[in-house]
Amino acid sequence: MQSLKTLSEKFVPIVFEKITKYVNSLSKKILVKVEGVSDIDKHFEIKELLQNIAWVTEVEDRGLGEFMISYPENPVYLANSLNQKGFTVVNFSPFYIILKAENNRVRDN
């Protein structure tokens, strides 16, 4: 039993690193623009929400209400996740998603 524990302690970090590299290699950059963001507090609230969406590997600030997101899946799934978080999807393509933030609708879940 101890040998299996020792073996897992050695190989789990290696396997995890390889999986992380693989997922990152699949990630595409998608520009997400959120209309109606007028202050830095709202910007960082939205950034935190974006960072907690499944499969989002990185969120970079590009300007007030603008983010470059690394996402390995089809962008339509990201748009759907954002819609479920309370944003209104104005437009999207494989390279960008434009959203409208309704202050009373955007929620953390």
N, C-alpha and C. Protein backbone atom coordinates (compact mmCIF):
# COMPACT_ATOMS: atom_id res chain seq x y z
N MET A 1 0.82 -1.19 0.00
CA MET A 1 0.00 0.00 0.00
C MET A 1 0.87 1.26 0.00
N GLN A 2 1.93 1.23 0.79
CA GLN A 2 2.83 2.39 0.86
C GLN A 2 3.50 2.64 -0.49
N SER A 3 3.82 1.55 -1.21
CA SER A 3 4.48 1.73 -2.51
C SER A 3 3.54 2.41 -3.52
N LEU A 4 2.25 2.10 -3.46
CA LEU A 4 1.29 2.76 -4.35
C LEU A 4 1.17 4.23 -4.00
N LYS A 5 1.18 4.54 -2.73
CA LYS A 5 1.10 5.95 -2.30
C LYS A 5 2.33 6.71 -2.79
N THR A 6 3.50 6.13 -2.63
CA THR A 6 4.74 6.75 -3.09
C THR A 6 4.72 6.95 -4.60
N LEU A 7 4.27 5.92 -5.31
CA LEU A 7 4.18 6.00 -6.76
C LEU A 7 3.22 7.12 -7.19
N SER A 8 2.08 7.20 -6.53
CA SER A 8 1.10 8.24 -6.91
C SER A 8 1.64 9.64 -6.59
N GLU A 9 2.38 9.79 -5.52
CA GLU A 9 2.95 11.09 -5.17
C GLU A 9 3.97 11.55 -6.22
N LYS A 10 4.63 10.61 -6.86
CA LYS A 10 5.61 10.95 -7.89
C LYS A 10 4.96 11.25 -9.23
N PHE A 11 3.93 10.49 -9.59
CA PHE A 11 3.37 10.59 -10.93
C PHE A 11 2.18 11.53 -11.08
N VAL A 12 1.44 11.78 -10.02
CA VAL A 12 0.29 12.69 -10.13
C VAL A 12 0.72 14.08 -10.59
N PRO A 13 1.76 14.69 -10.02
CA PRO A 13 2.17 16.01 -10.53
C PRO A 13 2.61 15.98 -12.00
N ILE A 14 3.25 14.91 -12.43
CA ILE A 14 3.70 14.80 -13.81
C ILE A 14 2.50 14.69 -14.75
N VAL A 15 1.54 13.85 -14.41
CA VAL A 15 0.35 13.68 -15.24
C VAL A 15 -0.46 14.99 -15.26
N PHE A 16 -0.61 15.61 -14.11
CA PHE A 16 -1.35 16.87 -14.03
C PHE A 16 -0.70 17.95 -14.90
N GLU A 17 0.62 18.03 -14.88
CA GLU A 17 1.34 19.01 -15.70
C GLU A 17 1.11 18.74 -17.19
N LYS A 18 1.14 17.48 -17.60
CA LYS A 18 0.92 17.14 -19.01
C LYS A 18 -0.50 17.46 -19.44
N ILE A 19 -1.48 17.20 -18.59
CA ILE A 19 -2.87 17.52 -18.91
C ILE A 19 -3.04 19.03 -19.02
N THR A 20 -2.45 19.78 -18.11
CA THR A 20 -2.54 21.25 -18.14
C THR A 20 -1.92 21.80 -19.42
N LYS A 21 -0.76 21.30 -19.81
CA LYS A 21 -0.13 21.75 -21.05
C LYS A 21 -0.99 21.42 -22.26
N TYR A 22 -1.60 20.25 -22.26
CA TYR A 22 -2.45 19.85 -23.37
C TYR A 22 -3.67 20.77 -23.49
N VAL A 23 -4.35 21.02 -22.37
CA VAL A 23 -5.53 21.90 -22.38
C VAL A 23 -5.12 23.30 -22.82
N ASN A 24 -3.99 23.80 -22.32
CA ASN A 24 -3.52 25.13 -22.72
C ASN A 24 -3.18 25.19 -24.21
N SER A 25 -2.68 24.10 -24.76
CA SER A 25 -2.35 24.09 -26.19
C SER A 25 -3.61 24.14 -27.04
N LEU A 26 -4.73 23.66 -26.53
CA LEU A 26 -5.99 23.69 -27.26
C LEU A 26 -6.71 25.03 -27.14
N SER A 27 -6.33 25.83 -26.16
CA SER A 27 -7.05 27.07 -25.88
C SER A 27 -6.93 28.07 -27.02
N LYS A 28 -8.04 28.73 -27.27
CA LYS A 28 -8.10 29.80 -28.25
C LYS A 28 -8.27 31.11 -27.51
N LYS A 29 -7.83 32.20 -28.10
CA LYS A 29 -8.01 33.52 -27.51
C LYS A 29 -9.31 34.11 -28.04
N ILE A 30 -10.18 34.52 -27.12
CA ILE A 30 -11.47 35.10 -27.47
C ILE A 30 -11.59 36.44 -26.77
N LEU A 31 -11.84 37.49 -27.55
CA LEU A 31 -12.04 38.82 -26.97
C LEU A 31 -13.47 38.89 -26.45
N VAL A 32 -13.61 39.25 -25.18
CA VAL A 32 -14.92 39.43 -24.58
C VAL A 32 -15.06 40.90 -24.21
N LYS A 33 -16.05 41.55 -24.79
CA LYS A 33 -16.32 42.96 -24.51
C LYS A 33 -17.67 43.04 -23.82
N VAL A 34 -17.69 43.71 -22.66
CA VAL A 34 -18.91 43.86 -21.89
C VAL A 34 -19.33 45.33 -21.96
N GLU A 35 -20.45 45.57 -22.63
CA GLU A 35 -20.96 46.93 -22.75
C GLU A 35 -21.57 47.35 -21.40
N GLY A 36 -21.48 48.64 -21.12
CA GLY A 36 -22.11 49.17 -19.91
C GLY A 36 -21.24 49.13 -18.67
N VAL A 37 -19.95 48.79 -18.81
CA VAL A 37 -19.04 48.80 -17.67
C VAL A 37 -18.46 50.20 -17.57
N SER A 38 -18.79 50.88 -16.48
CA SER A 38 -18.39 52.29 -16.36
C SER A 38 -17.41 52.56 -15.22
N ASP A 39 -17.09 51.52 -14.43
CA ASP A 39 -16.14 51.76 -13.35
C ASP A 39 -15.27 50.52 -13.11
N ILE A 40 -14.16 50.75 -12.47
CA ILE A 40 -13.16 49.69 -12.27
C ILE A 40 -13.66 48.58 -11.34
N ASP A 41 -14.51 48.93 -10.37
CA ASP A 41 -15.05 47.91 -9.47
C ASP A 41 -15.88 46.88 -10.25
N LYS A 42 -16.72 47.36 -11.15
CA LYS A 42 -17.54 46.46 -11.97
C LYS A 42 -16.65 45.63 -12.89
N HIS A 43 -15.59 46.25 -13.42
CA HIS A 43 -14.64 45.55 -14.29
C HIS A 43 -14.04 44.35 -13.55
N PHE A 44 -13.56 44.58 -12.33
CA PHE A 44 -12.92 43.49 -11.58
C PHE A 44 -13.94 42.46 -11.09
N GLU A 45 -15.15 42.87 -10.84
CA GLU A 45 -16.22 41.93 -10.49
C GLU A 45 -16.47 40.98 -11.66
N ILE A 46 -16.53 41.54 -12.86
CA ILE A 46 -16.75 40.72 -14.06
C ILE A 46 -15.55 39.83 -14.33
N LYS A 47 -14.34 40.35 -14.14
CA LYS A 47 -13.14 39.55 -14.36
C LYS A 47 -13.13 38.33 -13.43
N GLU A 48 -13.48 38.54 -12.18
CA GLU A 48 -13.51 37.42 -11.23
C GLU A 48 -14.55 36.37 -11.66
N LEU A 49 -15.69 36.84 -12.12
CA LEU A 49 -16.73 35.93 -12.59
C LEU A 49 -16.23 35.13 -13.79
N LEU A 50 -15.54 35.80 -14.73
CA LEU A 50 -15.01 35.12 -15.91
C LEU A 50 -13.98 34.07 -15.54
N GLN A 51 -13.15 34.37 -14.54
CA GLN A 51 -12.10 33.43 -14.13
C GLN A 51 -12.68 32.16 -13.52
N ASN A 52 -13.92 32.22 -13.06
CA ASN A 52 -14.54 31.07 -12.41
C ASN A 52 -15.45 30.26 -13.34
N ILE A 53 -15.43 30.56 -14.62
CA ILE A 53 -16.21 29.78 -15.59
C ILE A 53 -15.39 28.54 -15.96
N ALA A 54 -16.08 27.41 -16.02
CA ALA A 54 -15.40 26.15 -16.35
C ALA A 54 -14.66 26.25 -17.68
N TRP A 55 -13.47 25.72 -17.72
CA TRP A 55 -12.58 25.63 -18.87
C TRP A 55 -11.88 26.93 -19.24
N VAL A 56 -12.21 28.04 -18.58
CA VAL A 56 -11.46 29.27 -18.84
C VAL A 56 -10.09 29.09 -18.19
N THR A 57 -9.03 29.20 -18.99
CA THR A 57 -7.69 28.98 -18.46
C THR A 57 -6.95 30.27 -18.14
N GLU A 58 -7.39 31.40 -18.73
CA GLU A 58 -6.71 32.67 -18.47
C GLU A 58 -7.64 33.82 -18.84
N VAL A 59 -7.59 34.89 -18.04
CA VAL A 59 -8.35 36.11 -18.34
C VAL A 59 -7.37 37.28 -18.26
N GLU A 60 -7.19 37.99 -19.38
CA GLU A 60 -6.30 39.15 -19.43
C GLU A 60 -7.13 40.42 -19.58
N ASP A 61 -6.75 41.46 -18.83
CA ASP A 61 -7.40 42.77 -18.97
C ASP A 61 -6.95 43.41 -20.28
N ARG A 62 -7.89 43.97 -21.04
CA ARG A 62 -7.56 44.69 -22.27
C ARG A 62 -8.00 46.14 -22.22
N GLY A 63 -8.83 46.48 -21.27
CA GLY A 63 -9.39 47.82 -21.12
C GLY A 63 -10.63 47.69 -20.27
N LEU A 64 -11.26 48.79 -19.96
CA LEU A 64 -12.45 48.77 -19.12
C LEU A 64 -13.56 47.97 -19.81
N GLY A 65 -13.91 46.85 -19.22
CA GLY A 65 -14.96 45.99 -19.78
C GLY A 65 -14.51 45.11 -20.92
N GLU A 66 -13.20 45.01 -21.17
CA GLU A 66 -12.68 44.17 -22.25
C GLU A 66 -11.66 43.18 -21.70
N PHE A 67 -11.81 41.93 -22.12
CA PHE A 67 -10.96 40.85 -21.63
C PHE A 67 -10.58 39.93 -22.78
N MET A 68 -9.36 39.41 -22.73
CA MET A 68 -8.93 38.37 -23.65
C MET A 68 -8.94 37.07 -22.84
N ILE A 69 -9.77 36.13 -23.28
CA ILE A 69 -9.97 34.88 -22.54
C ILE A 69 -9.37 33.73 -23.32
N SER A 70 -8.66 32.86 -22.63
CA SER A 70 -8.18 31.60 -23.21
C SER A 70 -9.21 30.53 -22.87
N TYR A 71 -9.71 29.86 -23.91
CA TYR A 71 -10.80 28.91 -23.74
C TYR A 71 -10.62 27.77 -24.76
N PRO A 72 -10.53 26.51 -24.30
CA PRO A 72 -10.24 25.41 -25.22
C PRO A 72 -11.45 24.85 -25.97
N GLU A 73 -12.65 25.26 -25.59
CA GLU A 73 -13.85 24.73 -26.21
C GLU A 73 -14.40 25.68 -27.28
N ASN A 74 -15.49 25.31 -27.89
CA ASN A 74 -16.18 26.14 -28.87
C ASN A 74 -16.69 27.41 -28.17
N PRO A 75 -16.46 28.59 -28.73
CA PRO A 75 -16.88 29.83 -28.09
C PRO A 75 -18.39 29.93 -27.83
N VAL A 76 -19.20 29.17 -28.55
CA VAL A 76 -20.64 29.20 -28.29
C VAL A 76 -20.94 28.67 -26.89
N TYR A 77 -20.12 27.76 -26.38
CA TYR A 77 -20.31 27.25 -25.02
C TYR A 77 -19.97 28.33 -24.00
N LEU A 78 -18.94 29.12 -24.30
CA LEU A 78 -18.58 30.23 -23.42
C LEU A 78 -19.70 31.27 -23.42
N ALA A 79 -20.23 31.59 -24.60
CA ALA A 79 -21.33 32.55 -24.69
C ALA A 79 -22.54 32.05 -23.90
N ASN A 80 -22.83 30.77 -23.98
CA ASN A 80 -23.93 30.20 -23.22
C ASN A 80 -23.69 30.30 -21.72
N SER A 81 -22.47 30.01 -21.28
CA SER A 81 -22.14 30.13 -19.85
C SER A 81 -22.32 31.56 -19.38
N LEU A 82 -21.90 32.52 -20.19
CA LEU A 82 -22.03 33.93 -19.83
C LEU A 82 -23.50 34.34 -19.78
N ASN A 83 -24.30 33.81 -20.69
CA ASN A 83 -25.73 34.08 -20.67
C ASN A 83 -26.35 33.55 -19.38
N GLN A 84 -25.93 32.36 -18.95
CA GLN A 84 -26.44 31.78 -17.72
C GLN A 84 -25.99 32.55 -16.49
N LYS A 85 -24.88 33.29 -16.60
CA LYS A 85 -24.39 34.09 -15.50
C LYS A 85 -25.12 35.44 -15.40
N GLY A 86 -26.02 35.71 -16.34
CA GLY A 86 -26.81 36.93 -16.26
C GLY A 86 -26.46 37.99 -17.27
N PHE A 87 -25.54 37.73 -18.17
CA PHE A 87 -25.21 38.67 -19.23
C PHE A 87 -26.18 38.48 -20.39
N THR A 88 -26.35 39.51 -21.18
CA THR A 88 -27.09 39.40 -22.43
C THR A 88 -26.07 39.33 -23.56
N VAL A 89 -26.12 38.27 -24.36
CA VAL A 89 -25.20 38.12 -25.48
C VAL A 89 -25.73 38.98 -26.63
N VAL A 90 -24.94 40.00 -27.00
CA VAL A 90 -25.31 40.90 -28.08
C VAL A 90 -24.88 40.31 -29.42
N ASN A 91 -23.66 39.75 -29.47
CA ASN A 91 -23.13 39.16 -30.69
C ASN A 91 -21.95 38.27 -30.33
N PHE A 92 -21.66 37.28 -31.18
CA PHE A 92 -20.46 36.47 -30.96
C PHE A 92 -20.00 35.85 -32.26
N SER A 93 -18.72 35.50 -32.27
CA SER A 93 -18.11 34.79 -33.39
C SER A 93 -17.06 33.87 -32.77
N PRO A 94 -16.30 33.14 -33.58
CA PRO A 94 -15.24 32.32 -33.01
C PRO A 94 -14.13 33.13 -32.34
N PHE A 95 -14.10 34.47 -32.57
CA PHE A 95 -13.00 35.28 -32.08
C PHE A 95 -13.40 36.33 -31.05
N TYR A 96 -14.68 36.61 -30.92
CA TYR A 96 -15.12 37.62 -29.94
C TYR A 96 -16.54 37.33 -29.47
N ILE A 97 -16.83 37.87 -28.28
CA ILE A 97 -18.18 37.83 -27.72
C ILE A 97 -18.47 39.22 -27.19
N ILE A 98 -19.60 39.79 -27.60
CA ILE A 98 -20.01 41.09 -27.09
C ILE A 98 -21.21 40.86 -26.18
N LEU A 99 -21.11 41.40 -24.97
CA LEU A 99 -22.13 41.21 -23.94
C LEU A 99 -22.66 42.54 -23.45
N LYS A 100 -23.81 42.48 -22.85
CA LYS A 100 -24.35 43.62 -22.14
C LYS A 100 -24.53 43.18 -20.69
N ALA A 101 -24.03 43.97 -19.76
CA ALA A 101 -24.16 43.66 -18.34
C ALA A 101 -25.35 44.41 -17.79
N GLU A 102 -26.30 43.67 -17.32
CA GLU A 102 -27.43 44.27 -16.61
C GLU A 102 -27.04 44.23 -15.14
N ASN A 103 -26.84 45.38 -14.52
CA ASN A 103 -26.33 45.44 -13.15
C ASN A 103 -27.10 44.57 -12.17
N ASN A 104 -28.40 44.47 -12.35
CA ASN A 104 -29.18 43.66 -11.41
C ASN A 104 -29.29 42.20 -11.83
N ARG A 105 -28.80 41.84 -13.01
CA ARG A 105 -28.91 40.46 -13.47
C ARG A 105 -27.64 39.64 -13.31
N VAL A 106 -26.47 40.27 -13.43
CA VAL A 106 -25.22 39.52 -13.38
C VAL A 106 -25.05 38.94 -11.99
N ARG A 107 -24.79 37.65 -11.94
CA ARG A 107 -24.74 36.96 -10.66
C ARG A 107 -23.60 35.95 -10.63
N ASP A 108 -23.12 35.69 -9.44
CA ASP A 108 -22.11 34.64 -9.24
C ASP A 108 -22.84 33.35 -8.93
N ASN A 109 -22.61 32.30 -9.73
CA ASN A 109 -23.10 30.98 -9.39
C ASN A 109 -22.17 29.94 -9.89
